[in-house]
């Protein structure tokens, strides 16, 4: 049950912050938090991460519920708290961005970082949850997950 709460909390935080940004920042306005490094801004993204597949709203509206159902299946099936946390973060972020796509057709992004003269693609809290969850999932799969031992032929015969 805690995993549902984590996902819902991510969605709520994401939507509240997006509402605050939309109400207080003009489109493409840059408010310095750390000058020449970190800015708050308002940008609408009609694509996926880094604006890939721009103007593909219908594709996202179809794929995200399917992918979310798969994520929920693995959350229920797997008993590892680490994996469930990772998947709940991905799910919460996906739902947060899905709400934007459903209601306004584009995702609201607002965090802008500069690394030297390079402007990192603008992102939001949902994106951070998806990225963090994906990193945790990779850590789980690479370093924590252990394949269950395979049963030999004698053990399989004994079960039947």
Protein backbone atom coordinates (compact mmCIF):
# COMPACT_ATOMS: atom_id res chain seq x y z
CA UNK A 1 0.00 0.00 0.00
CA UNK A 2 2.89 2.39 0.68
CA UNK A 3 3.83 2.18 -2.99
CA UNK A 4 0.44 3.59 -4.01
CA UNK A 5 0.97 6.45 -1.54
CA UNK A 6 4.43 7.18 -3.03
CA UNK A 7 2.96 7.36 -6.54
CA UNK A 8 0.07 9.58 -5.41
CA UNK A 9 2.41 11.85 -3.47
CA UNK A 10 4.59 12.32 -6.57
CA UNK A 11 1.53 13.17 -8.69
CA UNK A 12 0.26 15.68 -6.10
CA UNK A 13 3.65 17.38 -5.68
CA UNK A 14 4.11 17.52 -9.46
CA UNK A 15 0.67 19.01 -10.12
CA UNK A 16 0.85 21.53 -7.26
CA UNK A 17 4.24 22.82 -8.38
CA UNK A 18 3.09 23.01 -12.00
CA UNK A 19 0.02 24.98 -10.93
CA UNK A 20 2.21 27.40 -8.95
CA UNK A 21 4.56 27.85 -11.91
CA UNK A 22 1.74 28.42 -14.42
CA UNK A 23 0.11 30.99 -12.11
CA UNK A 24 3.30 32.91 -11.34
CA UNK A 25 5.70 32.67 -14.29
CA UNK A 26 5.22 33.89 -17.84
CA UNK A 27 6.04 31.58 -20.74
CA UNK A 28 9.81 31.51 -21.35
CA UNK A 29 10.43 33.96 -18.47
CA UNK A 30 13.64 33.01 -16.64
CA UNK A 31 13.79 33.61 -12.90
CA UNK A 32 17.33 33.09 -11.60
CA UNK A 33 17.67 30.84 -8.58
CA UNK A 34 21.45 30.55 -8.99
CA UNK A 35 22.49 33.04 -11.65
CA UNK A 36 24.09 31.53 -14.76
CA UNK A 37 23.29 28.01 -13.50
CA UNK A 38 19.69 27.38 -12.34
CA UNK A 39 16.48 29.14 -13.40
CA UNK A 40 12.74 28.69 -12.98
CA UNK A 41 10.91 29.10 -16.25
CA UNK A 42 7.67 28.05 -17.93
CA UNK A 43 7.86 25.89 -21.00
CA UNK A 44 5.27 23.64 -22.65
CA UNK A 45 6.64 20.44 -24.17
CA UNK A 46 4.49 18.66 -26.75
CA UNK A 47 6.89 15.71 -26.98
CA UNK A 48 8.63 13.28 -24.69
CA UNK A 49 11.97 13.66 -22.93
CA UNK A 50 14.17 16.25 -24.64
CA UNK A 51 11.17 17.04 -26.87
CA UNK A 52 11.49 13.82 -28.86
CA UNK A 53 8.35 12.86 -30.79
CA UNK A 54 7.00 16.41 -30.69
CA UNK A 55 3.29 16.76 -31.34
CA UNK A 56 2.67 13.04 -30.69
CA UNK A 57 0.02 13.59 -28.03
CA UNK A 58 -2.18 10.72 -29.21
CA UNK A 59 0.71 8.26 -29.10
CA UNK A 60 1.51 9.28 -25.52
CA UNK A 61 -2.16 9.19 -24.48
CA UNK A 62 -2.35 5.58 -25.72
CA UNK A 63 1.06 4.30 -24.60
CA UNK A 64 1.25 5.74 -21.08
CA UNK A 65 -1.80 3.83 -19.72
CA UNK A 66 -0.48 0.60 -21.27
CA UNK A 67 3.00 1.12 -19.82
CA UNK A 68 1.49 2.14 -16.48
CA UNK A 69 -0.53 -1.11 -16.38
CA UNK A 70 2.68 -3.08 -17.00
CA UNK A 71 4.46 -1.14 -14.23
CA UNK A 72 1.57 -1.85 -11.82
CA UNK A 73 1.69 -5.54 -12.74
CA UNK A 74 5.40 -5.73 -11.86
CA UNK A 75 4.84 -3.72 -8.66
CA UNK A 76 2.25 -6.24 -7.52
CA UNK A 77 4.17 -9.30 -8.70
CA UNK A 78 7.58 -8.37 -7.28
CA UNK A 79 7.91 -8.35 -3.50
CA UNK A 80 11.17 -6.38 -3.35
CA UNK A 81 10.61 -3.05 -1.53
CA UNK A 82 13.48 -1.55 -3.55
CA UNK A 83 11.94 -2.47 -6.90
CA UNK A 84 8.48 -1.39 -5.75
CA UNK A 85 9.88 2.00 -4.75
CA UNK A 86 11.57 2.39 -8.13
CA UNK A 87 8.41 1.44 -10.02
CA UNK A 88 6.17 3.65 -7.87
CA UNK A 89 8.41 6.62 -8.69
CA UNK A 90 8.22 5.87 -12.42
CA UNK A 91 4.45 5.41 -12.20
CA UNK A 92 3.88 8.65 -10.25
CA UNK A 93 5.98 10.64 -12.71
CA UNK A 94 4.27 9.09 -15.71
CA UNK A 95 0.83 9.89 -14.31
CA UNK A 96 1.89 13.47 -13.46
CA UNK A 97 2.95 14.14 -17.04
CA UNK A 98 -0.04 12.20 -18.42
CA UNK A 99 -2.42 14.56 -16.62
CA UNK A 100 -0.80 17.50 -18.43
CA UNK A 101 -1.04 15.79 -21.80
CA UNK A 102 -4.66 14.86 -21.19
CA UNK A 103 -5.82 18.27 -19.93
CA UNK A 104 -3.70 20.77 -21.88
CA UNK A 105 -2.06 18.70 -24.60
CA UNK A 106 1.49 19.48 -23.48
CA UNK A 107 3.68 18.84 -20.46
CA UNK A 108 4.52 21.79 -18.22
CA UNK A 109 8.29 22.02 -17.62
CA UNK A 110 9.96 24.61 -15.39
CA UNK A 111 13.46 23.62 -14.21
CA UNK A 112 16.27 24.97 -16.37
CA UNK A 113 19.95 24.34 -15.72
CA UNK A 114 22.95 25.71 -17.56
CA UNK A 115 26.21 23.79 -17.62
CA UNK A 116 28.59 26.43 -18.91
CA UNK A 117 26.89 27.73 -22.05
CA UNK A 118 24.87 24.52 -22.53
CA UNK A 119 21.20 24.75 -21.55
CA UNK A 120 20.13 21.34 -20.24
CA UNK A 121 16.61 20.42 -21.50
CA UNK A 122 13.92 21.94 -19.27
CA UNK A 123 12.22 19.39 -16.99
CA UNK A 124 9.82 19.04 -14.03
CA UNK A 125 9.21 17.06 -10.82
CA UNK A 126 7.52 14.20 -12.70
CA UNK A 127 10.59 13.88 -14.91
CA UNK A 128 12.81 13.75 -11.81
CA UNK A 129 10.67 10.95 -10.35
CA UNK A 130 10.80 8.98 -13.61
CA UNK A 131 14.57 9.44 -13.87
CA UNK A 132 15.18 8.62 -10.20
CA UNK A 133 12.94 5.56 -10.41
CA UNK A 134 14.69 4.40 -13.57
CA UNK A 135 18.10 4.76 -11.91
CA UNK A 136 16.87 2.78 -8.88
CA UNK A 137 15.44 0.13 -11.20
CA UNK A 138 18.79 -0.17 -13.00
CA UNK A 139 20.60 -0.50 -9.66
CA UNK A 140 18.12 -3.19 -8.60
CA UNK A 141 18.47 -5.17 -11.82
CA UNK A 142 22.26 -4.87 -12.00
CA UNK A 143 23.27 -5.29 -8.36
CA UNK A 144 20.42 -6.60 -6.20
CA UNK A 145 18.19 -8.94 -8.21
CA UNK A 146 19.13 -12.61 -8.12
CA UNK A 147 17.66 -15.17 -10.53
CA UNK A 148 15.80 -17.87 -8.64
CA UNK A 149 17.72 -21.14 -8.79
CA UNK A 150 16.64 -23.38 -11.63
CA UNK A 151 15.07 -26.66 -10.64
CA UNK A 152 16.73 -29.75 -12.02
CA UNK A 153 14.77 -32.47 -13.78
CA UNK A 154 14.48 -34.66 -10.63
CA UNK A 155 12.89 -31.83 -8.63
CA UNK A 156 10.41 -31.15 -11.45
CA UNK A 157 9.39 -34.87 -11.51
CA UNK A 158 8.91 -34.86 -7.73
CA UNK A 159 6.49 -31.94 -7.97
CA UNK A 160 4.29 -33.77 -10.49
